Protein backbone atom coordinates (compact mmCIF):
# COMPACT_ATOMS: atom_id res chain seq x y z
CA MET A 1 0.07 0.00 -0.05
CA VAL A 2 1.65 3.23 -1.21
CA LYS A 3 1.08 6.36 0.97
CA THR A 4 2.23 9.65 -0.69
CA THR A 5 1.82 13.38 -0.15
CA THR A 6 -1.63 14.60 -0.42
CA ARG A 7 -0.33 18.09 -0.44
CA PHE A 8 2.98 19.40 0.74
CA VAL A 9 2.41 22.60 2.76
CA CYS A 10 3.18 25.26 0.17
CA GLY A 11 6.58 23.69 -0.42
CA LEU A 12 8.38 26.06 1.90
CA LEU A 13 10.99 25.57 4.48
CA PHE A 14 9.16 27.73 6.94
CA ILE A 15 5.58 28.90 7.33
CA SER A 16 4.52 31.85 9.42
CA VAL A 17 1.43 33.78 9.87
CA ALA A 18 -0.17 35.55 12.77
CA ILE A 19 -2.48 33.42 14.79
CA GLY A 20 -4.67 33.65 17.90
CA ALA A 21 -5.20 31.22 20.71
CA ARG A 22 -6.60 28.39 18.53
CA ALA A 23 -5.94 24.76 18.96
CA ASP A 24 -2.70 23.16 17.49
CA LEU A 25 -1.42 19.76 16.83
CA VAL A 26 0.33 17.98 19.68
CA VAL A 27 2.72 15.20 18.56
CA LEU A 28 3.83 12.57 21.14
CA GLN A 29 7.17 10.74 20.67
CA TYR A 30 7.75 7.18 22.03
CA HIS A 31 10.56 4.62 21.72
CA HIS A 32 10.01 1.45 23.78
CA VAL A 33 6.62 0.68 25.41
CA SER A 34 7.91 -1.91 27.94
CA ASP A 35 8.85 -2.43 31.50
CA ALA A 36 12.10 -4.17 30.67
CA THR A 37 13.95 -1.82 28.37
CA PRO A 38 16.20 1.19 29.20
CA PRO A 39 14.35 3.71 31.43
CA ALA A 40 15.55 6.73 29.57
CA THR A 41 13.84 5.78 26.25
CA SER A 42 10.95 3.63 27.76
CA THR A 43 7.38 4.16 28.60
CA SER A 44 5.94 1.54 30.96
CA VAL A 45 3.07 -0.42 29.68
CA SER A 46 0.82 0.89 32.44
CA LEU A 47 1.81 4.50 31.96
CA PHE A 48 1.12 4.08 28.18
CA GLU A 49 -2.27 2.82 29.01
CA GLU A 50 -3.03 5.72 31.40
CA GLN A 51 -1.68 8.25 28.85
CA LEU A 52 -4.20 6.95 26.27
CA GLU A 53 -7.07 7.00 28.82
CA MET A 54 -6.20 10.68 29.44
CA ILE A 55 -6.41 11.37 25.74
CA GLU A 56 -9.81 9.79 25.77
CA ARG A 57 -10.99 11.66 28.84
CA LEU A 58 -9.96 15.02 27.25
CA GLU A 59 -11.92 13.98 24.15
CA LEU A 60 -8.99 14.75 21.84
CA ASP A 61 -8.88 13.66 18.32
CA VAL A 62 -6.05 11.29 17.52
CA VAL A 63 -5.15 11.88 13.96
CA ASP A 64 -2.92 10.80 11.12
CA LEU A 65 0.53 12.51 11.56
CA GLN A 66 0.96 13.81 8.04
CA LYS A 67 -2.65 15.07 7.62
CA GLY A 68 -2.71 16.61 11.12
CA THR A 69 0.62 18.24 10.55
CA GLU A 70 -0.38 19.81 7.27
CA ALA A 71 -3.65 21.04 8.70
CA ALA A 72 -1.90 22.65 11.69
CA LEU A 73 0.72 24.34 9.47
CA GLY A 74 -2.11 25.45 7.17
CA GLY A 75 -4.26 26.76 10.06
CA GLU A 76 -7.02 24.43 9.19
CA LEU A 77 -7.77 22.82 12.58
CA ASP A 78 -10.72 25.07 13.15
CA GLY A 79 -10.40 24.79 16.99
CA SER A 80 -10.19 20.92 17.05
CA LYS A 81 -7.81 19.56 19.70
CA GLN A 82 -5.66 17.11 17.91
CA VAL A 83 -2.95 14.64 18.98
CA ALA A 84 -0.70 12.55 16.70
CA ILE A 85 1.25 9.51 18.07
CA THR A 86 4.73 8.42 16.94
CA PHE A 87 7.37 5.78 17.64
CA ASP A 88 11.02 5.99 16.74
CA ASP A 89 13.28 3.15 15.83
CA ALA A 90 10.57 0.42 15.29
CA TYR A 91 11.28 -1.46 18.53
CA ASP A 92 9.51 -4.81 18.87
CA SER A 93 7.55 -3.67 21.94
CA VAL A 94 5.67 -1.37 19.69
CA TYR A 95 4.30 -4.32 17.76
CA THR A 96 3.69 -6.44 20.92
CA ALA A 97 2.55 -3.91 23.47
CA ALA A 98 1.60 -0.50 22.01
CA ALA A 99 -0.12 -1.70 18.72
CA PRO A 100 -2.89 -3.79 20.32
CA MET A 101 -3.82 -0.90 22.69
CA LEU A 102 -3.95 1.65 19.92
CA GLU A 103 -5.94 -0.70 17.62
CA ASP A 104 -8.46 -1.38 20.37
CA ARG A 105 -9.08 2.44 20.44
CA GLY A 106 -8.96 2.88 16.61
CA TYR A 107 -6.10 5.46 17.12
CA PRO A 108 -3.68 5.98 14.13
CA TYR A 109 0.05 6.24 14.59
CA THR A 110 3.33 6.51 12.82
CA VAL A 111 6.54 4.42 13.10
CA PHE A 112 9.81 6.04 12.10
CA VAL A 113 12.12 3.22 10.98
CA ASN A 114 15.97 3.22 10.81
CA THR A 115 16.15 0.55 8.15
CA ASP A 116 19.58 -1.00 8.98
CA ALA A 117 18.30 -2.16 12.40
CA VAL A 118 15.15 -3.98 11.12
CA GLY A 119 15.22 -7.60 12.12
CA GLY A 120 17.90 -7.17 14.79
CA ARG A 121 17.50 -8.02 18.44
CA GLY A 122 14.78 -5.95 20.01
CA TYR A 123 13.58 -4.57 16.69
CA MET A 124 10.57 -5.50 14.50
CA SER A 125 11.06 -7.72 11.45
CA TRP A 126 10.11 -6.64 7.97
CA ASP A 127 7.16 -9.14 8.13
CA GLN A 128 5.95 -7.34 11.26
CA LEU A 129 6.37 -3.96 9.75
CA LYS A 130 4.47 -5.01 6.59
CA GLU A 131 1.58 -6.29 8.70
CA LEU A 132 1.36 -3.03 10.57
CA GLU A 133 1.69 -0.96 7.24
CA SER A 134 -1.07 -2.82 5.66
CA LYS A 135 -3.38 -1.24 8.23
CA ALA A 136 -5.03 2.10 7.17
CA SER A 137 -4.26 3.54 10.58
CA VAL A 138 -0.59 2.91 10.54
CA THR A 139 2.07 4.90 8.69
CA ILE A 140 5.73 3.70 8.28
CA ALA A 141 8.30 6.54 7.68
CA ASN A 142 12.02 7.36 7.45
CA HIS A 143 14.36 7.50 10.47
CA SER A 144 17.43 7.24 8.36
CA HIS A 145 19.30 4.04 7.41
CA ASP A 146 21.97 3.86 10.02
CA HIS A 147 20.66 6.08 12.88
CA GLY A 148 23.79 8.16 12.61
CA HIS A 149 24.37 11.72 13.75
CA LEU A 150 23.44 13.62 10.66
CA ALA A 151 24.57 17.22 11.53
CA LYS A 152 27.91 18.18 9.79
CA ARG A 153 30.78 17.32 11.92
CA PRO A 154 33.37 20.13 12.62
CA ASP A 155 36.18 18.33 10.89
CA GLU A 156 34.08 16.91 7.98
CA SER A 157 34.28 18.15 4.50
CA GLN A 158 31.09 19.52 2.82
CA SER A 159 31.31 16.86 0.09
CA GLY A 160 31.82 14.13 2.59
CA TRP A 161 29.06 15.17 4.76
CA GLU A 162 26.64 15.47 1.71
CA GLN A 163 27.60 11.92 0.52
CA ARG A 164 27.03 10.46 4.01
CA VAL A 165 23.79 12.20 4.70
CA GLU A 166 22.21 11.78 1.28
CA SER A 167 23.05 8.06 1.39
CA SER A 168 21.44 7.61 4.76
CA LEU A 169 18.35 9.54 3.85
CA ASP A 170 17.93 8.06 0.34
CA GLN A 171 18.78 4.58 1.14
CA ALA A 172 16.33 4.25 3.90
CA GLN A 173 13.59 5.83 1.69
CA SER A 174 14.42 3.39 -1.12
CA ILE A 175 14.44 0.33 1.18
CA LEU A 176 10.98 1.38 2.69
CA LYS A 177 9.62 1.57 -0.70
CA GLU A 178 11.16 -1.69 -1.80
CA LYS A 179 10.07 -3.68 1.37
CA LEU A 180 6.78 -2.00 2.15
CA GLY A 181 5.69 -0.10 -0.91
CA THR A 182 5.66 3.05 1.12
CA ASP A 183 7.00 6.51 0.10
CA VAL A 184 6.04 8.86 2.94
CA PRO A 185 7.46 12.47 2.82
CA MET A 186 8.22 12.53 6.61
CA PHE A 187 11.43 12.19 8.48
CA ALA A 188 12.46 11.98 12.19
CA TYR A 189 15.92 13.14 13.02
CA PRO A 190 17.95 10.57 14.87
CA TYR A 191 18.64 11.85 18.40
CA GLY A 192 16.55 14.95 17.43
CA GLU A 193 19.75 16.42 16.01
CA PHE A 194 19.66 18.76 12.91
CA ASP A 195 21.42 21.78 11.52
CA ALA A 196 20.64 24.22 8.80
CA GLY A 197 22.25 22.07 6.13
CA LEU A 198 20.27 18.96 7.05
CA GLU A 199 17.01 20.93 7.06
CA GLU A 200 17.88 22.05 3.48
CA LYS A 201 18.25 18.34 2.50
CA LEU A 202 14.76 17.68 3.73
CA ALA A 203 13.40 20.82 2.13
CA GLU A 204 14.92 19.71 -1.29
CA ARG A 205 13.02 16.44 -0.88
CA GLU A 206 9.79 18.11 0.29
CA TRP A 207 9.93 16.13 3.48
CA ILE A 208 8.36 17.06 6.76
CA GLY A 209 10.96 16.91 9.57
CA PHE A 210 10.32 16.13 13.29
CA GLY A 211 12.74 16.70 16.13
CA GLN A 212 12.62 15.67 19.77
CA GLN A 213 12.18 19.16 21.26
CA SER A 214 8.92 19.71 23.01
CA GLY A 215 5.95 21.88 21.98
CA ALA A 216 2.89 21.93 19.65
CA VAL A 217 2.84 22.27 15.99
CA GLY A 218 1.10 25.53 14.71
CA GLU A 219 1.10 27.96 11.80
CA THR A 220 4.41 29.59 12.77
CA SER A 221 6.20 26.21 13.22
CA GLY A 222 9.18 25.28 11.01
CA ILE A 223 8.20 22.44 8.62
CA THR A 224 11.63 20.89 8.84
CA ARG A 225 12.01 21.30 12.60
CA LEU A 226 8.64 20.26 14.11
CA PRO A 227 8.43 19.55 17.80
CA ARG A 228 7.29 16.42 19.54
CA PHE A 229 6.78 15.84 23.26
CA PRO A 230 8.97 12.87 24.51
CA MET A 231 6.81 10.44 26.43
CA ALA A 232 9.39 8.32 28.25
CA ASN A 233 8.67 7.63 31.91
CA ALA A 234 10.66 10.74 33.07
CA TYR A 235 8.73 13.12 30.78
CA GLY A 236 5.27 11.47 30.30
CA GLN A 237 3.93 11.43 33.84
CA LEU A 238 0.22 12.23 34.24
CA ASN A 239 0.62 15.26 36.60
CA SER A 240 2.17 17.27 33.63
CA LEU A 241 0.65 15.46 30.64
CA LYS A 242 -2.57 17.36 30.49
CA ASN A 243 -0.78 20.79 29.94
CA LYS A 244 1.27 19.20 27.18
CA LEU A 245 -1.78 17.65 25.40
CA LEU A 246 -3.66 20.99 25.44
CA SER A 247 -0.62 23.15 24.59
CA LYS A 248 -0.35 25.42 21.58
CA ALA A 249 2.64 26.65 19.66
CA LEU A 250 4.09 29.88 20.92
CA PRO A 251 3.49 32.23 17.99
CA VAL A 252 6.99 32.95 17.12
CA ASP A 253 8.08 32.83 13.53
CA ALA A 254 10.24 29.78 13.11
CA SER A 255 12.40 31.31 10.50
CA THR A 256 13.69 33.84 13.15
CA LEU A 257 14.92 31.09 15.40
CA PRO A 258 18.53 29.86 15.23
CA ALA A 259 19.35 26.44 13.71
CA GLY A 260 20.60 25.54 17.17
CA ILE A 261 24.32 24.78 16.58
CA VAL A 262 26.15 26.12 19.66
CA THR A 263 28.84 28.63 19.05
CA ASP A 264 28.85 30.32 22.46
CA ASN A 265 28.17 28.21 25.55
CA PRO A 266 25.64 29.09 26.95
CA PRO A 267 23.90 30.39 23.89
CA THR A 268 21.50 33.26 23.69
CA LEU A 269 17.98 32.81 22.32
CA GLU A 270 16.21 35.96 20.97
CA LEU A 271 12.45 35.89 20.48
CA THR A 272 10.16 38.31 18.69
CA LEU A 273 6.87 38.08 20.35
CA PRO A 274 3.41 39.11 18.95
CA ASP A 275 1.45 41.86 20.76
CA HIS A 276 -0.76 39.52 22.73
CA ILE A 277 2.16 37.77 24.41
CA SER A 278 3.26 39.52 27.52
CA VAL A 279 7.01 39.55 28.31
CA ASN A 280 6.17 39.44 32.07
CA ARG A 281 4.17 36.18 31.71
CA LEU A 282 6.76 34.37 29.53
CA THR A 283 8.57 31.73 31.69
CA CYS A 284 11.66 29.97 30.33
CA PHE A 285 13.72 26.99 31.61
CA ALA A 286 17.07 25.50 30.68
CA SER A 287 17.93 21.79 30.76
CA GLY A 288 19.38 20.93 34.13
CA GLN A 289 19.40 24.65 35.25
CA GLY A 290 15.88 25.30 36.11
CA ARG A 291 14.14 28.65 35.43
CA ILE A 292 16.21 31.25 33.64
CA ASP A 293 15.92 35.06 33.19
CA VAL A 294 13.88 36.59 30.28
CA ASN A 295 15.30 39.93 29.44
CA PRO A 296 13.51 42.54 27.29
CA SER A 297 15.62 43.77 24.42
CA GLY A 298 13.34 46.10 22.51
CA PRO A 299 9.60 46.40 21.65
CA GLY A 300 8.24 42.80 21.66
CA ILE A 301 11.79 41.30 21.72
CA VAL A 302 13.36 39.30 24.55
CA ARG A 303 16.59 37.45 25.02
CA VAL A 304 16.99 34.33 26.93
CA ARG A 305 20.37 32.96 28.24
CA ALA A 306 21.23 30.30 30.81
CA PRO A 307 23.62 31.44 33.54
CA ASP A 308 25.99 28.56 33.15
CA ALA A 309 27.62 26.65 30.34
CA PHE A 310 26.28 23.13 29.49
CA ASN A 311 28.31 20.00 29.45
CA SER A 312 26.00 17.94 27.34
CA ARG A 313 25.85 17.46 23.54
CA ARG A 314 22.10 18.26 23.44
CA PHE A 315 20.07 20.61 25.71
CA ARG A 316 17.11 22.84 25.37
CA TYR A 317 15.44 26.17 26.38
CA ASN A 318 11.76 25.60 27.04
CA CYS A 319 9.42 28.70 27.18
CA THR A 320 5.76 28.81 27.98
CA HIS A 321 3.14 31.45 28.32
CA PRO A 322 -0.57 31.06 29.61
CA THR A 323 -3.27 31.33 27.02
CA ASP A 324 -6.79 32.89 27.63
CA ASP A 325 -8.42 29.49 27.80
CA GLY A 326 -6.21 28.02 30.65
CA SER A 327 -3.74 26.12 28.44
CA TYR A 328 -0.17 27.12 27.49
CA TYR A 329 1.77 28.42 24.64
CA TRP A 330 4.91 26.34 24.27
CA LEU A 331 8.26 26.75 22.55
CA SER A 332 11.35 24.58 22.90
CA GLN A 333 14.66 25.57 21.26
CA GLN A 334 16.95 22.64 20.60
CA TRP A 335 20.74 23.28 21.00
CA LEU A 336 23.55 21.01 19.70
CA ASP A 337 27.06 21.27 20.82
CA LEU A 338 29.16 19.61 18.07
CA SER A 339 32.29 19.83 20.21
CA LYS A 340 30.85 17.13 22.47
CA PRO A 341 31.31 13.40 21.51
CA GLU A 342 28.49 11.61 19.65
CA ASP A 343 26.59 9.18 21.72
């Protein structure tokens, strides 16, 4: 069964228009759904069940990822509160534990596959993926061939990087088409890492790109750097899940945000806010450092900078602002320090 683009959202790298406090699309990101896999990337079976129950209680529409994303970017949700469910890496627990629970509820979902791992220990087989893909509610999409770190390395030549990246992107897409008959224009960055050059590679292919930074997808979101809320045990607990499920994209034009490659540590994030966002009600946090200062820098412009340097390869600034309906605008800026070793 071939799934192709119904319409690529204007064919643009970024889309930005002014919006009000309407509903946006919330995308959830999972890896393992298991009680026996690494805690950092696992959601327990009981927590996954409770998360699905909360989605049902809140009467949220669980939608196809591509259609929901295109509608959110195009401003066509019309107040509908929508959620999309995704899994990275095609672990076998998705097939054995998550899929039956989702099918019982009739919820669609997307599995992003790193093709070189298929059939390996702990991963789904091609037969299992083919079985899932045959269902109208399931989409199989590209997560690279080798799950490599795809941002350009500091000591890597431009030609070497292009050859490495294009091989991983296109080989995976070709294998998915050959094995499953699917050619979906969506990509999830391994480790959530991307740079401007990698975004350009996706834009050339007219692919929609998803990271691992938190937040909702709205009209001002960047089509090659879309956020997803990680749902592993540490991040998917019910006491904070409702705010995430009902969140909206902070209406900041994604084309004004940095690609996220760290040149100064700690980095500075500058945001240009619309009139209905109050600087005094904007709250920002840095990974491992808690709440950080938000400093006005001009009319509607603020600068955010953590007080201390970061030691990790990946970290984030998360900013929220209350909406008029009791939910939150949300923006997460992903940072990538290429001087730190790959993991």
